Amino acid sequence: MLLMHRDATVTIVHSKTQDAPGTVSKADVIVAAVGRAEMVKKEWIKEGSVVVDVGINSVDDPSAKRGYRLVGDVDYDAVKEVAGKITPVPGGVGPMTIAMLLRNTVNSCVRSQATKGE
């Protein structure tokens, strides 16, 4: 909604979209939140696009200390070669999400106290 309010053309692509790679490859900005590990591939991405990976998935990795590693919905290692900018997983949008949740919680508490006259 924020992008549409700035007159951007927003196209929603989901796991059942016909020719998802073709649709995504036309985008200047991709926000990936499909819930499938590394679903968005390098071939889907237009050179120089901005890729925001919101997904977080665990995949088995026997070489990792915990036996798994965290990855996003974007194949980060491949996509970073063509993307102009890309957020990593973990450590990309997650910290900002947590910060905004905490801010909203504090704001809600302040408003709640103000309505009680305190």
PDB file of N, CA and C in Angstrom:
ATOM      1  N   MET A   1       0.818  -1.191   0.000  1.00  0.00           N
ATOM      2  CA  MET A   1       0.000   0.000   0.000  1.00  0.00           C
ATOM      3  C   MET A   1       0.867   1.263   0.000  1.00  0.00           C
ATOM      4  N   LEU A   2       1.965   1.229   0.741  1.00  0.00           N
ATOM      5  CA  LEU A   2       2.828   2.406   0.783  1.00  0.00           C
ATOM      6  C   LEU A   2       3.364   2.742  -0.603  1.00  0.00           C
ATOM      7  N   LEU A   3       3.745   1.726  -1.357  1.00  0.00           N
ATOM      8  CA  LEU A   3       4.268   1.964  -2.702  1.00  0.00           C
ATOM      9  C   LEU A   3       3.193   2.507  -3.636  1.00  0.00           C
ATOM     10  N   MET A   4       1.989   1.973  -3.528  1.00  0.00           N
ATOM     11  CA  MET A   4       0.897   2.446  -4.383  1.00  0.00           C
ATOM     12  C   MET A   4       0.556   3.902  -4.083  1.00  0.00           C
ATOM     13  N   HIS A   5       0.662   4.300  -2.820  1.00  0.00           N
ATOM     14  CA  HIS A   5       0.403   5.695  -2.452  1.00  0.00           C
ATOM     15  C   HIS A   5       1.466   6.637  -3.022  1.00  0.00           C
ATOM     16  N   ARG A   6       2.573   6.060  -3.455  1.00  0.00           N
ATOM     17  CA  ARG A   6       3.640   6.843  -4.108  1.00  0.00           C
ATOM     18  C   ARG A   6       3.587   6.664  -5.630  1.00  0.00           C
ATOM     19  N   ASP A   7       2.426   6.196  -6.134  1.00  0.00           N
ATOM     20  CA  ASP A   7       2.170   6.017  -7.563  1.00  0.00           C
ATOM     21  C   ASP A   7       3.030   4.936  -8.216  1.00  0.00           C
ATOM     22  N   ALA A   8       3.486   3.976  -7.445  1.00  0.00           N
ATOM     23  CA  ALA A   8       4.205   2.837  -8.022  1.00  0.00           C
ATOM     24  C   ALA A   8       3.195   1.811  -8.523  1.00  0.00           C
ATOM     25  N   THR A   9       3.559   1.125  -9.576  1.00  0.00           N
ATOM     26  CA  THR A   9       2.739   0.020 -10.056  1.00  0.00           C
ATOM     27  C   THR A   9       3.169  -1.217  -9.280  1.00  0.00           C
ATOM     28  N   VAL A  10       2.254  -1.795  -8.538  1.00  0.00           N
ATOM     29  CA  VAL A  10       2.559  -2.942  -7.688  1.00  0.00           C
ATOM     30  C   VAL A  10       1.905  -4.176  -8.276  1.00  0.00           C
ATOM     31  N   THR A  11       2.694  -5.210  -8.473  1.00  0.00           N
ATOM     32  CA  THR A  11       2.197  -6.491  -8.972  1.00  0.00           C
ATOM     33  C   THR A  11       2.473  -7.540  -7.906  1.00  0.00           C
ATOM     34  N   ILE A  12       1.468  -8.285  -7.531  1.00  0.00           N
ATOM     35  CA  ILE A  12       1.640  -9.345  -6.540  1.00  0.00           C
ATOM     36  C   ILE A  12       1.821 -10.664  -7.278  1.00  0.00           C
ATOM     37  N   VAL A  13       2.894 -11.353  -6.939  1.00  0.00           N
ATOM     38  CA  VAL A  13       3.193 -12.661  -7.508  1.00  0.00           C
ATOM     39  C   VAL A  13       3.220 -13.647  -6.353  1.00  0.00           C
ATOM     40  N   HIS A  14       2.549 -14.767  -6.509  1.00  0.00           N
ATOM     41  CA  HIS A  14       2.549 -15.777  -5.458  1.00  0.00           C
ATOM     42  C   HIS A  14       2.964 -17.119  -6.039  1.00  0.00           C
ATOM     43  N   SER A  15       2.994 -18.135  -5.207  1.00  0.00           N
ATOM     44  CA  SER A  15       3.523 -19.442  -5.616  1.00  0.00           C
ATOM     45  C   SER A  15       2.730 -20.097  -6.742  1.00  0.00           C
ATOM     46  N   LYS A  16       1.513 -19.666  -6.973  1.00  0.00           N
ATOM     47  CA  LYS A  16       0.681 -20.252  -8.031  1.00  0.00           C
ATOM     48  C   LYS A  16       0.568 -19.340  -9.264  1.00  0.00           C
ATOM     49  N   THR A  17       1.258 -18.213  -9.274  1.00  0.00           N
ATOM     50  CA  THR A  17       1.205 -17.293 -10.405  1.00  0.00           C
ATOM     51  C   THR A  17       1.766 -17.962 -11.654  1.00  0.00           C
ATOM     52  N   GLN A  18       1.037 -17.823 -12.765  1.00  0.00           N
ATOM     53  CA  GLN A  18       1.537 -18.312 -14.044  1.00  0.00           C
ATOM     54  C   GLN A  18       2.756 -17.485 -14.436  1.00  0.00           C
ATOM     55  N   ASP A  19       3.834 -18.142 -14.804  1.00  0.00           N
ATOM     56  CA  ASP A  19       5.085 -17.502 -15.226  1.00  0.00           C
ATOM     57  C   ASP A  19       5.582 -16.475 -14.209  1.00  0.00           C
ATOM     58  N   ALA A  20       5.695 -16.904 -12.968  1.00  0.00           N
ATOM     59  CA  ALA A  20       6.224 -16.022 -11.918  1.00  0.00           C
ATOM     60  C   ALA A  20       7.607 -15.475 -12.285  1.00  0.00           C
ATOM     61  N   PRO A  21       8.527 -16.294 -12.803  1.00  0.00           N
ATOM     62  CA  PRO A  21       9.843 -15.747 -13.160  1.00  0.00           C
ATOM     63  C   PRO A  21       9.755 -14.619 -14.187  1.00  0.00           C
ATOM     64  N   GLY A  22       8.888 -14.765 -15.179  1.00  0.00           N
ATOM     65  CA  GLY A  22       8.737 -13.729 -16.200  1.00  0.00           C
ATOM     66  C   GLY A  22       8.187 -12.435 -15.633  1.00  0.00           C
ATOM     67  N   THR A  23       7.248 -12.543 -14.715  1.00  0.00           N
ATOM     68  CA  THR A  23       6.662 -11.353 -14.093  1.00  0.00           C
ATOM     69  C   THR A  23       7.681 -10.658 -13.198  1.00  0.00           C
ATOM     70  N   VAL A  24       8.371 -11.429 -12.375  1.00  0.00           N
ATOM     71  CA  VAL A  24       9.355 -10.862 -11.451  1.00  0.00           C
ATOM     72  C   VAL A  24      10.511 -10.216 -12.221  1.00  0.00           C
ATOM     73  N   SER A  25      10.888 -10.793 -13.348  1.00  0.00           N
ATOM     74  CA  SER A  25      12.048 -10.288 -14.098  1.00  0.00           C
ATOM     75  C   SER A  25      11.828  -8.890 -14.675  1.00  0.00           C
ATOM     76  N   LYS A  26      10.607  -8.389 -14.635  1.00  0.00           N
ATOM     77  CA  LYS A  26      10.312  -7.037 -15.125  1.00  0.00           C
ATOM     78  C   LYS A  26      10.381  -5.992 -14.007  1.00  0.00           C
ATOM     79  N   ALA A  27      10.525  -6.438 -12.766  1.00  0.00           N
ATOM     80  CA  ALA A  27      10.425  -5.546 -11.612  1.00  0.00           C
ATOM     81  C   ALA A  27      11.729  -4.818 -11.307  1.00  0.00           C
ATOM     82  N   ASP A  28      11.585  -3.573 -10.873  1.00  0.00           N
ATOM     83  CA  ASP A  28      12.731  -2.798 -10.396  1.00  0.00           C
ATOM     84  C   ASP A  28      12.983  -3.051  -8.915  1.00  0.00           C
ATOM     85  N   VAL A  29      11.916  -3.335  -8.181  1.00  0.00           N
ATOM     86  CA  VAL A  29      11.997  -3.631  -6.750  1.00  0.00           C
ATOM     87  C   VAL A  29      11.221  -4.917  -6.496  1.00  0.00           C
ATOM     88  N   ILE A  30      11.852  -5.861  -5.819  1.00  0.00           N
ATOM     89  CA  ILE A  30      11.201  -7.131  -5.489  1.00  0.00           C
ATOM     90  C   ILE A  30      11.208  -7.262  -3.968  1.00  0.00           C
ATOM     91  N   VAL A  31      10.036  -7.506  -3.391  1.00  0.00           N
ATOM     92  CA  VAL A  31       9.923  -7.810  -1.972  1.00  0.00           C
ATOM     93  C   VAL A  31       9.467  -9.254  -1.894  1.00  0.00           C
ATOM     94  N   ALA A  32      10.350 -10.130  -1.467  1.00  0.00           N
ATOM     95  CA  ALA A  32      10.068 -11.564  -1.453  1.00  0.00           C
ATOM     96  C   ALA A  32       9.593 -11.991  -0.070  1.00  0.00           C
ATOM     97  N   ALA A  33       8.385 -12.557  -0.028  1.00  0.00           N
ATOM     98  CA  ALA A  33       7.811 -13.033   1.230  1.00  0.00           C
ATOM     99  C   ALA A  33       6.913 -14.226   0.929  1.00  0.00           C
ATOM    100  N   VAL A  34       7.467 -15.214   0.267  1.00  0.00           N
ATOM    101  CA  VAL A  34       6.665 -16.350  -0.197  1.00  0.00           C
ATOM    102  C   VAL A  34       6.661 -17.506   0.795  1.00  0.00           C
ATOM    103  N   GLY A  35       7.653 -17.589   1.667  1.00  0.00           N
ATOM    104  CA  GLY A  35       7.694 -18.668   2.648  1.00  0.00           C
ATOM    105  C   GLY A  35       8.300 -19.955   2.134  1.00  0.00           C
ATOM    106  N   ARG A  36       9.076 -19.870   1.066  1.00  0.00           N
ATOM    107  CA  ARG A  36       9.775 -21.040   0.514  1.00  0.00           C
ATOM    108  C   ARG A  36      11.260 -20.715   0.396  1.00  0.00           C
ATOM    109  N   ALA A  37      12.069 -21.562   0.970  1.00  0.00           N
ATOM    110  CA  ALA A  37      13.508 -21.331   0.991  1.00  0.00           C
ATOM    111  C   ALA A  37      14.077 -21.196  -0.420  1.00  0.00           C
ATOM    112  N   GLU A  38      14.744 -20.083  -0.650  1.00  0.00           N
ATOM    113  CA  GLU A  38      15.492 -19.814  -1.886  1.00  0.00           C
ATOM    114  C   GLU A  38      14.677 -20.033  -3.162  1.00  0.00           C
ATOM    115  N   MET A  39      13.389 -19.702  -3.121  1.00  0.00           N
ATOM    116  CA  MET A  39      12.519 -19.882  -4.285  1.00  0.00           C
ATOM    117  C   MET A  39      12.856 -18.915  -5.420  1.00  0.00           C
ATOM    118  N   VAL A  40      13.199 -17.675  -5.065  1.00  0.00           N
ATOM    119  CA  VAL A  40      13.483 -16.655  -6.075  1.00  0.00           C
ATOM    120  C   VAL A  40      14.926 -16.839  -6.546  1.00  0.00           C
ATOM    121  N   LYS A  41      15.076 -17.127  -7.842  1.00  0.00           N
ATOM    122  CA  LYS A  41      16.375 -17.462  -8.421  1.00  0.00           C
ATOM    123  C   LYS A  41      16.976 -16.288  -9.191  1.00  0.00           C
ATOM    124  N   LYS A  42      18.261 -16.398  -9.453  1.00  0.00           N
ATOM    125  CA  LYS A  42      19.014 -15.379 -10.184  1.00  0.00           C
ATOM    126  C   LYS A  42      18.369 -15.059 -11.531  1.00  0.00           C
ATOM    127  N   GLU A  43      17.883 -16.067 -12.214  1.00  0.00           N
ATOM    128  CA  GLU A  43      17.298 -15.884 -13.543  1.00  0.00           C
ATOM    129  C   GLU A  43      16.023 -15.040 -13.504  1.00  0.00           C
ATOM    130  N   TRP A  44      15.420 -14.921 -12.337  1.00  0.00           N
ATOM    131  CA  TRP A  44      14.184 -14.147 -12.171  1.00  0.00           C
ATOM    132  C   TRP A  44      14.454 -12.651 -12.069  1.00  0.00           C
ATOM    133  N   ILE A  45      15.689 -12.265 -11.795  1.00  0.00           N
ATOM    134  CA  ILE A  45      16.003 -10.902 -11.378  1.00  0.00           C
ATOM    135  C   ILE A  45      16.598 -10.089 -12.522  1.00  0.00           C
ATOM    136  N   LYS A  46      16.035  -8.914 -12.735  1.00  0.00           N
ATOM    137  CA  LYS A  46      16.565  -7.975 -13.719  1.00  0.00           C
ATOM    138  C   LYS A  46      17.836  -7.345 -13.159  1.00  0.00           C
ATOM    139  N   GLU A  47      18.831  -7.186 -14.009  1.00  0.00           N
ATOM    140  CA  GLU A  47      20.098  -6.572 -13.617  1.00  0.00           C
ATOM    141  C   GLU A  47      19.844  -5.225 -12.934  1.00  0.00           C
ATOM    142  N   GLY A  48      20.418  -5.059 -11.737  1.00  0.00           N
ATOM    143  CA  GLY A  48      20.318  -3.799 -11.013  1.00  0.00           C
ATOM    144  C   GLY A  48      19.094  -3.643 -10.128  1.00  0.00           C
ATOM    145  N   SER A  49      18.198  -4.623 -10.109  1.00  0.00           N
ATOM    146  CA  SER A  49      16.994  -4.537  -9.270  1.00  0.00           C
ATOM    147  C   SER A  49      17.352  -4.510  -7.789  1.00  0.00           C
ATOM    148  N   VAL A  50      16.453  -3.946  -7.006  1.00  0.00           N
ATOM    149  CA  VAL A  50      16.580  -3.956  -5.554  1.00  0.00           C
ATOM    150  C   VAL A  50      15.748  -5.124  -5.032  1.00  0.00           C
ATOM    151  N   VAL A  51      16.368  -5.978  -4.220  1.00  0.00           N
ATOM    152  CA  VAL A  51      15.698  -7.172  -3.710  1.00  0.00           C
ATOM    153  C   VAL A  51      15.647  -7.111  -2.192  1.00  0.00           C
ATOM    154  N   VAL A  52      14.431  -7.117  -1.656  1.00  0.00           N
ATOM    155  CA  VAL A  52      14.207  -7.114  -0.216  1.00  0.00           C
ATOM    156  C   VAL A  52      13.657  -8.491   0.144  1.00  0.00           C
ATOM    157  N   ASP A  53      14.448  -9.262   0.869  1.00  0.00           N
ATOM    158  CA  ASP A  53      14.060 -10.623   1.245  1.00  0.00           C
ATOM    159  C   ASP A  53      13.505 -10.607   2.664  1.00  0.00           C
ATOM    160  N   VAL A  54      12.197 -10.809   2.771  1.00  0.00           N
ATOM    161  CA  VAL A  54      11.508 -10.769   4.058  1.00  0.00           C
ATOM    162  C   VAL A  54      11.427 -12.160   4.677  1.00  0.00           C
ATOM    163  N   GLY A  55      11.589 -13.193   3.872  1.00  0.00           N
ATOM    164  CA  GLY A  55      11.423 -14.568   4.340  1.00  0.00           C
ATOM    165  C   GLY A  55      12.551 -15.030   5.238  1.00  0.00           C
ATOM    166  N   ILE A  56      12.230 -15.990   6.092  1.00  0.00           N
ATOM    167  CA  ILE A  56      13.257 -16.664   6.895  1.00  0.00           C
ATOM    168  C   ILE A  56      12.860 -18.129   7.016  1.00  0.00           C
ATOM    169  N   ASN A  57      13.766 -18.995   6.586  1.00  0.00           N
ATOM    170  CA  ASN A  57      13.510 -20.436   6.542  1.00  0.00           C
ATOM    171  C   ASN A  57      14.736 -21.166   7.061  1.00  0.00           C
ATOM    172  N   SER A  58      14.531 -22.298   7.679  1.00  0.00           N
ATOM    173  CA  SER A  58      15.667 -23.125   8.070  1.00  0.00           C
ATOM    174  C   SER A  58      15.789 -24.282   7.086  1.00  0.00           C
ATOM    175  N   VAL A  59      17.028 -24.542   6.685  1.00  0.00           N
ATOM    176  CA  VAL A  59      17.307 -25.665   5.791  1.00  0.00           C
ATOM    177  C   VAL A  59      18.367 -26.537   6.446  1.00  0.00           C
ATOM    178  N   ASP A  60      18.232 -27.836   6.250  1.00  0.00           N
ATOM    179  CA  ASP A  60      19.202 -28.764   6.813  1.00  0.00           C
ATOM    180  C   ASP A  60      20.599 -28.463   6.278  1.00  0.00           C
ATOM    181  N   ASP A  61      21.568 -28.479   7.180  1.00  0.00           N
ATOM    182  CA  ASP A  61      22.962 -28.264   6.816  1.00  0.00           C
ATOM    183  C   ASP A  61      23.831 -28.995   7.823  1.00  0.00           C
ATOM    184  N   PRO A  62      24.234 -30.231   7.501  1.00  0.00           N
ATOM    185  CA  PRO A  62      25.043 -31.026   8.428  1.00  0.00           C
ATOM    186  C   PRO A  62      26.360 -30.354   8.817  1.00  0.00           C
ATOM    187  N   SER A  63      26.873 -29.458   7.972  1.00  0.00           N
ATOM    188  CA  SER A  63      28.142 -28.791   8.283  1.00  0.00           C
ATOM    189  C   SER A  63      27.969 -27.657   9.289  1.00  0.00           C
ATOM    190  N   ALA A  64      26.736 -27.213   9.515  1.00  0.00           N
ATOM    191  CA  ALA A  64      26.480 -26.136  10.469  1.00  0.00           C
ATOM    192  C   ALA A  64      26.440 -26.700  11.890  1.00  0.00           C
ATOM    193  N   LYS A  65      26.822 -25.884  12.846  1.00  0.00           N
ATOM    194  CA  LYS A  65      26.875 -26.296  14.249  1.00  0.00           C
ATOM    195  C   LYS A  65      25.540 -26.850  14.744  1.00  0.00           C
ATOM    196  N   ARG A  66      24.442 -26.200  14.354  1.00  0.00           N
ATOM    197  CA  ARG A  66      23.111 -26.610  14.806  1.00  0.00           C
ATOM    198  C   ARG A  66      22.477 -27.670  13.906  1.00  0.00           C
ATOM    199  N   GLY A  67      23.124 -27.965  12.782  1.00  0.00           N
ATOM    200  CA  GLY A  67      22.556 -28.933  11.846  1.00  0.00           C
ATOM    201  C   GLY A  67      21.631 -28.301  10.816  1.00  0.00           C
ATOM    202  N   TYR A  68      21.473 -26.994  10.896  1.00  0.00           N
ATOM    203  CA  TYR A  68      20.668 -26.259   9.926  1.00  0.00           C
ATOM    204  C   TYR A  68      21.232 -24.844   9.797  1.00  0.00           C
ATOM    205  N   ARG A  69      20.782 -24.155   8.755  1.00  0.00           N
ATOM    206  CA  ARG A  69      21.136 -22.739   8.600  1.00  0.00           C
ATOM    207  C   ARG A  69      19.899 -21.982   8.167  1.00  0.00           C
ATOM    208  N   LEU A  70      19.911 -20.687   8.408  1.00  0.00           N
ATOM    209  CA  LEU A  70      18.786 -19.838   8.034  1.00  0.00           C
ATOM    210  C   LEU A  70      19.034 -19.232   6.655  1.00  0.00           C
ATOM    211  N   VAL A  71      18.007 -19.273   5.825  1.00  0.00           N
ATOM    212  CA  VAL A  71      18.066 -18.671   4.495  1.00  0.00           C
ATOM    213  C   VAL A  71      16.763 -17.920   4.258  1.00  0.00           C
ATOM    214  N   GLY A  72      16.782 -17.074   3.260  1.00  0.00           N
ATOM    215  CA  GLY A  72      15.584 -16.332   2.914  1.00  0.00           C
ATOM    216  C   GLY A  72      14.803 -16.998   1.796  1.00  0.00           C
ATOM    217  N   ASP A  73      13.869 -16.262   1.247  1.00  0.00           N
ATOM    218  CA  ASP A  73      13.074 -16.738   0.120  1.00  0.00           C
ATOM    219  C   ASP A  73      13.805 -16.521  -1.194  1.00  0.00           C
ATOM    220  N   VAL A  74      14.935 -15.812  -1.149  1.00  0.00           N
ATOM    221  CA  VAL A  74      15.743 -15.504  -2.323  1.00  0.00           C
ATOM    222  C   VAL A  74      17.045 -16.295  -2.241  1.00  0.00           C
ATOM    223  N   ASP A  75      17.478 -16.829  -3.375  1.00  0.00           N
ATOM    224  CA  ASP A  75      18.768 -17.520  -3.461  1.00  0.00           C
ATOM    225  C   ASP A  75      19.866 -16.457  -3.403  1.00  0.00           C
ATOM    226  N   TYR A  76      20.209 -16.056  -2.199  1.00  0.00           N
ATOM    227  CA  TYR A  76      21.066 -14.891  -1.961  1.00  0.00           C
ATOM    228  C   TYR A  76      22.386 -14.958  -2.718  1.00  0.00           C
ATOM    229  N   ASP A  77      23.111 -16.065  -2.595  1.00  0.00           N
ATOM    230  CA  ASP A  77      24.447 -16.147  -3.196  1.00  0.00           C
ATOM    231  C   ASP A  77      24.411 -15.938  -4.705  1.00  0.00           C
ATOM    232  N   ALA A  78      23.394 -16.439  -5.374  1.00  0.00           N
ATOM    233  CA  ALA A  78      23.286 -16.269  -6.822  1.00  0.00           C
ATOM    234  C   ALA A  78      22.731 -14.894  -7.180  1.00  0.00           C
ATOM    235  N   VAL A  79      21.689 -14.462  -6.479  1.00  0.00           N
ATOM    236  CA  VAL A  79      21.006 -13.211  -6.821  1.00  0.00           C
ATOM    237  C   VAL A  79      21.887 -11.991  -6.565  1.00  0.00           C
ATOM    238  N   LYS A  80      22.755 -12.057  -5.567  1.00  0.00           N
ATOM    239  CA  LYS A  80      23.605 -10.894  -5.269  1.00  0.00           C
ATOM    240  C   LYS A  80      24.508 -10.523  -6.445  1.00  0.00           C
ATOM    241  N   GLU A  81      24.714 -11.454  -7.366  1.00  0.00           N
ATOM    242  CA  GLU A  81      25.542 -11.183  -8.546  1.00  0.00           C
ATOM    243  C   GLU A  81      24.848 -10.251  -9.550  1.00  0.00           C
ATOM    244  N   VAL A  82      23.519 -10.225  -9.547  1.00  0.00           N
ATOM    245  CA  VAL A  82      22.790  -9.405 -10.526  1.00  0.00           C
ATOM    246  C   VAL A  82      22.015  -8.258  -9.883  1.00  0.00           C
ATOM    247  N   ALA A  83      21.675  -8.383  -8.614  1.00  0.00           N
ATOM    248  CA  ALA A  83      20.889  -7.347  -7.936  1.00  0.00           C
ATOM    249  C   ALA A  83      21.744  -6.108  -7.690  1.00  0.00           C
ATOM    250  N   GLY A  84      21.117  -4.935  -7.806  1.00  0.00           N
ATOM    251  CA  GLY A  84      21.809  -3.699  -7.456  1.00  0.00           C
ATOM    252  C   GLY A  84      22.022  -3.608  -5.957  1.00  0.00           C
ATOM    253  N   LYS A  85      20.997  -4.006  -5.209  1.00  0.00           N
ATOM    254  CA  LYS A  85      21.027  -4.064  -3.737  1.00  0.00           C
ATOM    255  C   LYS A  85      20.203  -5.263  -3.319  1.00  0.00           C
ATOM    256  N   ILE A  86      20.602  -5.892  -2.215  1.00  0.00           N
ATOM    257  CA  ILE A  86      19.854  -7.046  -1.704  1.00  0.00           C
ATOM    258  C   ILE A  86      20.022  -7.117  -0.193  1.00  0.00           C
ATOM    259  N   THR A  87      18.938  -7.474   0.501  1.00  0.00           N
ATOM    260  CA  THR A  87      19.018  -7.638   1.954  1.00  0.00           C
ATOM    261  C   THR A  87      19.401  -9.080   2.268  1.00  0.00           C
ATOM    262  N   PRO A  88      20.277  -9.279   3.243  1.00  0.00           N
ATOM    263  CA  PRO A  88      20.666 -10.634   3.614  1.00  0.00           C
ATOM    264  C   PRO A  88      19.665 -11.260   4.579  1.00  0.00           C
ATOM    265  N   VAL A  89      19.723 -12.571   4.690  1.00  0.00           N
ATOM    266  CA  VAL A  89      18.968 -13.309   5.710  1.00  0.00           C
ATOM    267  C   VAL A  89      19.939 -14.304   6.324  1.00  0.00           C
ATOM    268  N   PRO A  90      20.084 -14.294   7.642  1.00  0.00           N
ATOM    269  CA  PRO A  90      19.493 -13.364   8.613  1.00  0.00           C
ATOM    270  C   PRO A  90      20.221 -12.017   8.607  1.00  0.00           C
ATOM    271  N   GLY A  91      19.635 -11.063   9.319  1.00  0.00           N
ATOM    272  CA  GLY A  91      20.269  -9.768   9.527  1.00  0.00           C
ATOM    273  C   GLY A  91      19.819  -8.659   8.604  1.00  0.00           C
ATOM    274  N   GLY A  92      18.881  -8.917   7.733  1.00  0.00           N
ATOM    275  CA  GLY A  92      18.411  -7.887   6.814  1.00  0.00           C
ATOM    276  C   GLY A  92      17.293  -7.060   7.415  1.00  0.00           C
ATOM    277  N   VAL A  93      16.051  -7.419   7.090  1.00  0.00           N
ATOM    278  CA  VAL A  93      14.909  -6.647   7.574  1.00  0.00           C
ATOM    279  C   VAL A  93      14.478  -7.059   8.981  1.00  0.00           C
ATOM    280  N   GLY A  94      14.943  -8.172   9.471  1.00  0.00           N
ATOM    281  CA  GLY A  94      14.543  -8.661  10.797  1.00  0.00           C
ATOM    282  C   GLY A  94      14.775  -7.667  11.918  1.00  0.00           C
ATOM    283  N   PRO A  95      15.984  -7.109  12.040  1.00  0.00           N
ATOM    284  CA  PRO A  95      16.219  -6.134  13.109  1.00  0.00           C
ATOM    285  C   PRO A  95      15.303  -4.907  13.007  1.00  0.00           C
ATOM    286  N   MET A  96      15.003  -4.463  11.791  1.00  0.00           N
ATOM    287  CA  MET A  96      14.099  -3.323  11.616  1.00  0.00           C
ATOM    288  C   MET A  96      12.676  -3.702  12.017  1.00  0.00           C
ATOM    289  N   THR A  97      12.272  -4.913  11.691  1.00  0.00           N
ATOM    290  CA  THR A  97      10.942  -5.392  12.088  1.00  0.00           C
ATOM    291  C   THR A  97      10.812  -5.384  13.604  1.00  0.00           C
ATOM    292  N   ILE A  98      11.812  -5.891  14.294  1.00  0.00           N
ATOM    293  CA  ILE A  98      11.787  -5.927  15.757  1.00  0.00           C
ATOM    294  C   ILE A  98      11.753  -4.508  16.330  1.00  0.00           C
ATOM    295  N   ALA A  99      12.567  -3.623  15.770  1.00  0.00           N
ATOM    296  CA  ALA A  99      12.594  -2.232  16.252  1.00  0.00           C
ATOM    297  C   ALA A  99      11.222  -1.568  16.091  1.00  0.00           C
ATOM    298  N   MET A 100      10.575  -1.785  14.953  1.00  0.00           N
ATOM    299  CA  MET A 100       9.261  -1.169  14.724  1.00  0.00           C
ATOM    300  C   MET A 100       8.187  -1.781  15.633  1.00  0.00           C
ATOM    301  N   LEU A 101       8.267  -3.076  15.887  1.00  0.00           N
ATOM    302  CA  LEU A 101       7.324  -3.704  16.817  1.00  0.00           C
ATOM    303  C   LEU A 101       7.470  -3.121  18.220  1.00  0.00           C
ATOM    304  N   LEU A 102       8.719  -2.946  18.656  1.00  0.00           N
ATOM    305  CA  LEU A 102       8.956  -2.357  19.975  1.00  0.00           C
ATOM    306  C   LEU A 102       8.466  -0.909  20.028  1.00  0.00           C
ATOM    307  N   ARG A 103       8.732  -0.147  18.966  1.00  0.00           N
ATOM    308  CA  ARG A 103       8.265   1.243  18.929  1.00  0.00           C
ATOM    309  C   ARG A 103       6.741   1.308  19.002  1.00  0.00           C
ATOM    310  N   ASN A 104       6.081   0.452  18.238  1.00  0.00           N
ATOM    311  CA  ASN A 104       4.616   0.441  18.242  1.00  0.00           C
ATOM    312  C   ASN A 104       4.063   0.020  19.601  1.00  0.00           C
ATOM    313  N   THR A 105       4.744  -0.898  20.266  1.00  0.00           N
ATOM    314  CA  THR A 105       4.321  -1.326  21.599  1.00  0.00           C
ATOM    315  C   THR A 105       4.416  -0.167  22.593  1.00  0.00           C
ATOM    316  N   VAL A 106       5.537   0.545  22.564  1.00  0.00           N
ATOM    317  CA  VAL A 106       5.713   1.697  23.459  1.00  0.00           C
ATOM    318  C   VAL A 106       4.675   2.770  23.140  1.00  0.00           C
ATOM    319  N   ASN A 107       4.474   3.074  21.859  1.00  0.00           N
ATOM    320  CA  ASN A 107       3.476   4.087  21.472  1.00  0.00           C
ATOM    321  C   ASN A 107       2.076   3.686  21.947  1.00  0.00           C
ATOM    322  N   SER A 108       1.755   2.421  21.824  1.00  0.00           N
ATOM    323  CA  SER A 108       0.447   1.936  22.264  1.00  0.00           C
ATOM    324  C   SER A 108       0.286   2.095  23.774  1.00  0.00           C
ATOM    325  N   CYS A 109       1.333   1.796  24.513  1.00  0.00           N
ATOM    326  CA  CYS A 109       1.300   1.945  25.970  1.00  0.00           C
ATOM    327  C   CYS A 109       1.112   3.409  26.351  1.00  0.00           C
ATOM    328  N   VAL A 110       1.828   4.305  25.694  1.00  0.00           N
ATOM    329  CA  VAL A 110       1.726   5.741  25.978  1.00  0.00           C
ATOM    330  C   VAL A 110       0.309   6.222  25.687  1.00  0.00           C
ATOM    331  N   ARG A 111      -0.260   5.824  24.551  1.00  0.00           N
ATOM    332  CA  ARG A 111      -1.632   6.225  24.217  1.00  0.00           C
ATOM    333  C   ARG A 111      -2.636   5.656  25.212  1.00  0.00           C
ATOM    334  N   SER A 112      -2.410   4.433  25.640  1.00  0.00           N
ATOM    335  CA  SER A 112      -3.290   3.797  26.604  1.00  0.00           C
ATOM    336  C   SER A 112      -3.295   4.557  27.927  1.00  0.00           C
ATOM    337  N   GLN A 113      -2.114   4.957  28.366  1.00  0.00           N
ATOM    338  CA  GLN A 113      -2.004   5.694  29.630  1.00  0.00           C
ATOM    339  C   GLN A 113      -2.629   7.083  29.495  1.00  0.00           C
ATOM    340  N   ALA A 114      -2.489   7.690  28.326  1.00  0.00           N
ATOM    341  CA  ALA A 114      -3.056   9.039  28.107  1.00  0.00           C
ATOM    342  C   ALA A 114      -4.575   9.002  28.164  1.00  0.00           C
ATOM    343  N   THR A 115      -5.189   7.930  27.669  1.00  0.00           N
ATOM    344  CA  THR A 115      -6.659   7.841  27.676  1.00  0.00           C
ATOM    345  C   THR A 115      -7.180   7.571  29.081  1.00  0.00           C
ATOM    346  N   LYS A 116      -6.320   7.079  29.958  1.00  0.00           N
ATOM    347  CA  LYS A 116      -6.733   6.830  31.351  1.00  0.00           C
ATOM    348  C   LYS A 116      -6.534   8.082  32.200  1.00  0.00           C
ATOM    349  N   GLY A 117      -5.977   9.118  31.602  1.00  0.00           N
ATOM    350  CA  GLY A 117      -5.767  10.372  32.347  1.00  0.00           C
ATOM    351  C   GLY A 117      -4.529  10.357  33.221  1.00  0.00           C
ATOM    352  N   GLU A 118      -3.613   9.463  32.960  1.00  0.00           N
ATOM    353  CA  GLU A 118      -2.416   9.384  33.798  1.00  0.00           C
ATOM    354  C   GLU A 118      -1.252  10.122  33.181  1.00  0.00           C
TER     355      GLU A 118
END
